[in-house]
Amino acid sequence: MKYSYGWEKMHAAVLSLIGPESMHVRLKNAYSCINHYNLKPEHFPEDMRPDFISLKEKISNHLSGQASNHEAHECAKMIVEMYAGVWWRRCK
C-alpha cells in the first residue's frame, strides 16, 4: 500500500510517546524513531511533506533546549496527527 513505510514508522514514533518518562524524553525517543528509520518527506503524501519538515525542525529545536514544554506537547500532537493523516491516506 502507498505510504505504508511512513505510516509504520510514524506508528513507532507514536508508541514511543507513551510512558512515564518526561515529555522531553518521550519526544527524544519519537525523534530517534523518525531518524533511525530515515523517514523522509517522500514517505508521505505531497500535502503532508511540509508538515513533516516542520515537525522535524520543531522537535530538533525542542531537543536543543530552544522550546517550552507547551511546544513539546505541540510536537507530540503533530506526530499523532501525521500518523493519523498518513493512515487515512494509505487506506484510500
C-alpha atoms as a PDB file:
ATOM      1  CA  MET A   1       0.000   0.000   0.000  1.00  0.00           C
ATOM      2  CA  LYS A   2       1.109   3.508  -0.712  1.00  0.00           C
ATOM      3  CA  TYR A   3       2.802   5.321   2.195  1.00  0.00           C
ATOM      4  CA  SER A   4       2.946   2.147   4.294  1.00  0.00           C
ATOM      5  CA  TYR A   5       6.549   2.819   5.303  1.00  0.00           C
ATOM      6  CA  GLY A   6       5.756   6.322   6.559  1.00  0.00           C
ATOM      7  CA  TRP A   7       2.691   5.086   8.408  1.00  0.00           C
ATOM      8  CA  GLU A   8       4.514   2.163  10.010  1.00  0.00           C
ATOM      9  CA  LYS A   9       7.414   4.285  11.241  1.00  0.00           C
ATOM     10  CA  MET A  10       5.165   7.093  12.484  1.00  0.00           C
ATOM     11  CA  HIS A  11       3.301   4.393  14.407  1.00  0.00           C
ATOM     12  CA  ALA A  12       6.576   3.529  16.153  1.00  0.00           C
ATOM     13  CA  ALA A  13       7.082   7.232  16.928  1.00  0.00           C
ATOM     14  CA  VAL A  14       3.554   7.481  18.385  1.00  0.00           C
ATOM     15  CA  LEU A  15       4.152   4.441  20.589  1.00  0.00           C
ATOM     16  CA  SER A  16       7.361   5.984  21.894  1.00  0.00           C
ATOM     17  CA  LEU A  17       5.318   8.951  23.176  1.00  0.00           C
ATOM     18  CA  ILE A  18       3.627   6.666  25.704  1.00  0.00           C
ATOM     19  CA  GLY A  19       5.207   6.072  29.076  1.00  0.00           C
ATOM     20  CA  PRO A  20       6.097   7.523  32.453  1.00  0.00           C
ATOM     21  CA  GLU A  21       9.158   9.429  31.243  1.00  0.00           C
ATOM     22  CA  SER A  22       9.185  13.210  30.910  1.00  0.00           C
ATOM     23  CA  MET A  23       7.761  14.723  27.721  1.00  0.00           C
ATOM     24  CA  HIS A  24      11.298  15.699  26.739  1.00  0.00           C
ATOM     25  CA  VAL A  25      12.493  12.065  26.940  1.00  0.00           C
ATOM     26  CA  ARG A  26       9.422  10.718  25.132  1.00  0.00           C
ATOM     27  CA  LEU A  27       9.808  13.303  22.371  1.00  0.00           C
ATOM     28  CA  LYS A  28      13.510  12.432  22.092  1.00  0.00           C
ATOM     29  CA  ASN A  29      12.534   8.765  21.695  1.00  0.00           C
ATOM     30  CA  ALA A  30       9.999   9.631  18.992  1.00  0.00           C
ATOM     31  CA  TYR A  31      12.596  11.724  17.181  1.00  0.00           C
ATOM     32  CA  SER A  32      15.030   8.822  17.402  1.00  0.00           C
ATOM     33  CA  CYS A  33      12.442   6.590  15.695  1.00  0.00           C
ATOM     34  CA  ILE A  34      11.984   9.102  12.905  1.00  0.00           C
ATOM     35  CA  ASN A  35      15.738   9.429  12.371  1.00  0.00           C
ATOM     36  CA  HIS A  36      16.601   5.764  12.898  1.00  0.00           C
ATOM     37  CA  TYR A  37      14.189   4.708  10.168  1.00  0.00           C
ATOM     38  CA  ASN A  38      15.421   7.547   7.959  1.00  0.00           C
ATOM     39  CA  LEU A  39      11.941   8.921   7.334  1.00  0.00           C
ATOM     40  CA  LYS A  40      11.901  11.459   4.527  1.00  0.00           C
ATOM     41  CA  PRO A  41       9.249  13.772   3.101  1.00  0.00           C
ATOM     42  CA  GLU A  42       8.713  11.414   0.154  1.00  0.00           C
ATOM     43  CA  HIS A  43       7.408   8.773   2.567  1.00  0.00           C
ATOM     44  CA  PHE A  44       4.307  10.953   2.975  1.00  0.00           C
ATOM     45  CA  PRO A  45       1.617  12.319   0.669  1.00  0.00           C
ATOM     46  CA  GLU A  46       2.653  15.567  -1.020  1.00  0.00           C
ATOM     47  CA  ASP A  47       0.348  17.737   1.072  1.00  0.00           C
ATOM     48  CA  MET A  48       1.869  16.338   4.301  1.00  0.00           C
ATOM     49  CA  ARG A  49       5.508  16.843   3.346  1.00  0.00           C
ATOM     50  CA  PRO A  50       5.782  20.454   4.572  1.00  0.00           C
ATOM     51  CA  ASP A  51       4.256  19.340   7.897  1.00  0.00           C
ATOM     52  CA  PHE A  52       6.840  16.573   8.207  1.00  0.00           C
ATOM     53  CA  ILE A  53       9.691  19.013   7.564  1.00  0.00           C
ATOM     54  CA  SER A  54       8.210  21.437  10.102  1.00  0.00           C
ATOM     55  CA  LEU A  55       7.806  18.631  12.649  1.00  0.00           C
ATOM     56  CA  LYS A  56      11.461  17.624  12.379  1.00  0.00           C
ATOM     57  CA  GLU A  57      12.565  21.249  12.787  1.00  0.00           C
ATOM     58  CA  LYS A  58      10.332  21.795  15.811  1.00  0.00           C
ATOM     59  CA  ILE A  59      11.477  18.625  17.548  1.00  0.00           C
ATOM     60  CA  SER A  60      15.103  19.477  16.814  1.00  0.00           C
ATOM     61  CA  ASN A  61      14.592  22.934  18.362  1.00  0.00           C
ATOM     62  CA  HIS A  62      12.979  21.391  21.427  1.00  0.00           C
ATOM     63  CA  LEU A  63      15.773  18.893  21.910  1.00  0.00           C
ATOM     64  CA  SER A  64      18.398  21.623  21.635  1.00  0.00           C
ATOM     65  CA  GLY A  65      16.683  23.428  24.520  1.00  0.00           C
ATOM     66  CA  GLN A  66      15.010  26.134  22.463  1.00  0.00           C
ATOM     67  CA  ALA A  67      11.385  25.184  23.105  1.00  0.00           C
ATOM     68  CA  SER A  68       8.951  25.224  26.007  1.00  0.00           C
ATOM     69  CA  ASN A  69       7.084  22.276  27.489  1.00  0.00           C
ATOM     70  CA  HIS A  70       3.966  23.526  25.672  1.00  0.00           C
ATOM     71  CA  GLU A  71       5.842  23.336  22.377  1.00  0.00           C
ATOM     72  CA  ALA A  72       6.918  19.785  23.228  1.00  0.00           C
ATOM     73  CA  HIS A  73       3.260  18.842  23.618  1.00  0.00           C
ATOM     74  CA  GLU A  74       2.540  20.520  20.282  1.00  0.00           C
ATOM     75  CA  CYS A  75       5.259  18.384  18.666  1.00  0.00           C
ATOM     76  CA  ALA A  76       3.736  15.240  20.171  1.00  0.00           C
ATOM     77  CA  LYS A  77       0.351  16.295  18.822  1.00  0.00           C
ATOM     78  CA  MET A  78       1.876  16.803  15.366  1.00  0.00           C
ATOM     79  CA  ILE A  79       3.350  13.281  15.461  1.00  0.00           C
ATOM     80  CA  VAL A  80      -0.065  11.799  16.260  1.00  0.00           C
ATOM     81  CA  GLU A  81      -1.760  13.925  13.579  1.00  0.00           C
ATOM     82  CA  MET A  82       0.808  12.898  10.958  1.00  0.00           C
ATOM     83  CA  TYR A  83       0.355   9.259  11.891  1.00  0.00           C
ATOM     84  CA  ALA A  84      -3.427   9.562  11.584  1.00  0.00           C
ATOM     85  CA  GLY A  85      -3.180  11.536   8.345  1.00  0.00           C
ATOM     86  CA  VAL A  86      -0.921   9.070   6.594  1.00  0.00           C
ATOM     87  CA  TRP A  87      -3.044   6.150   7.870  1.00  0.00           C
ATOM     88  CA  TRP A  88      -6.155   7.711   6.396  1.00  0.00           C
ATOM     89  CA  ARG A  89      -4.493   8.373   3.049  1.00  0.00           C
ATOM     90  CA  ARG A  90      -2.933   4.919   2.775  1.00  0.00           C
ATOM     91  CA  CYS A  91      -6.381   3.364   3.194  1.00  0.00           C
ATOM     92  CA  LYS A  92      -7.755   5.268   0.203  1.00  0.00           C
END
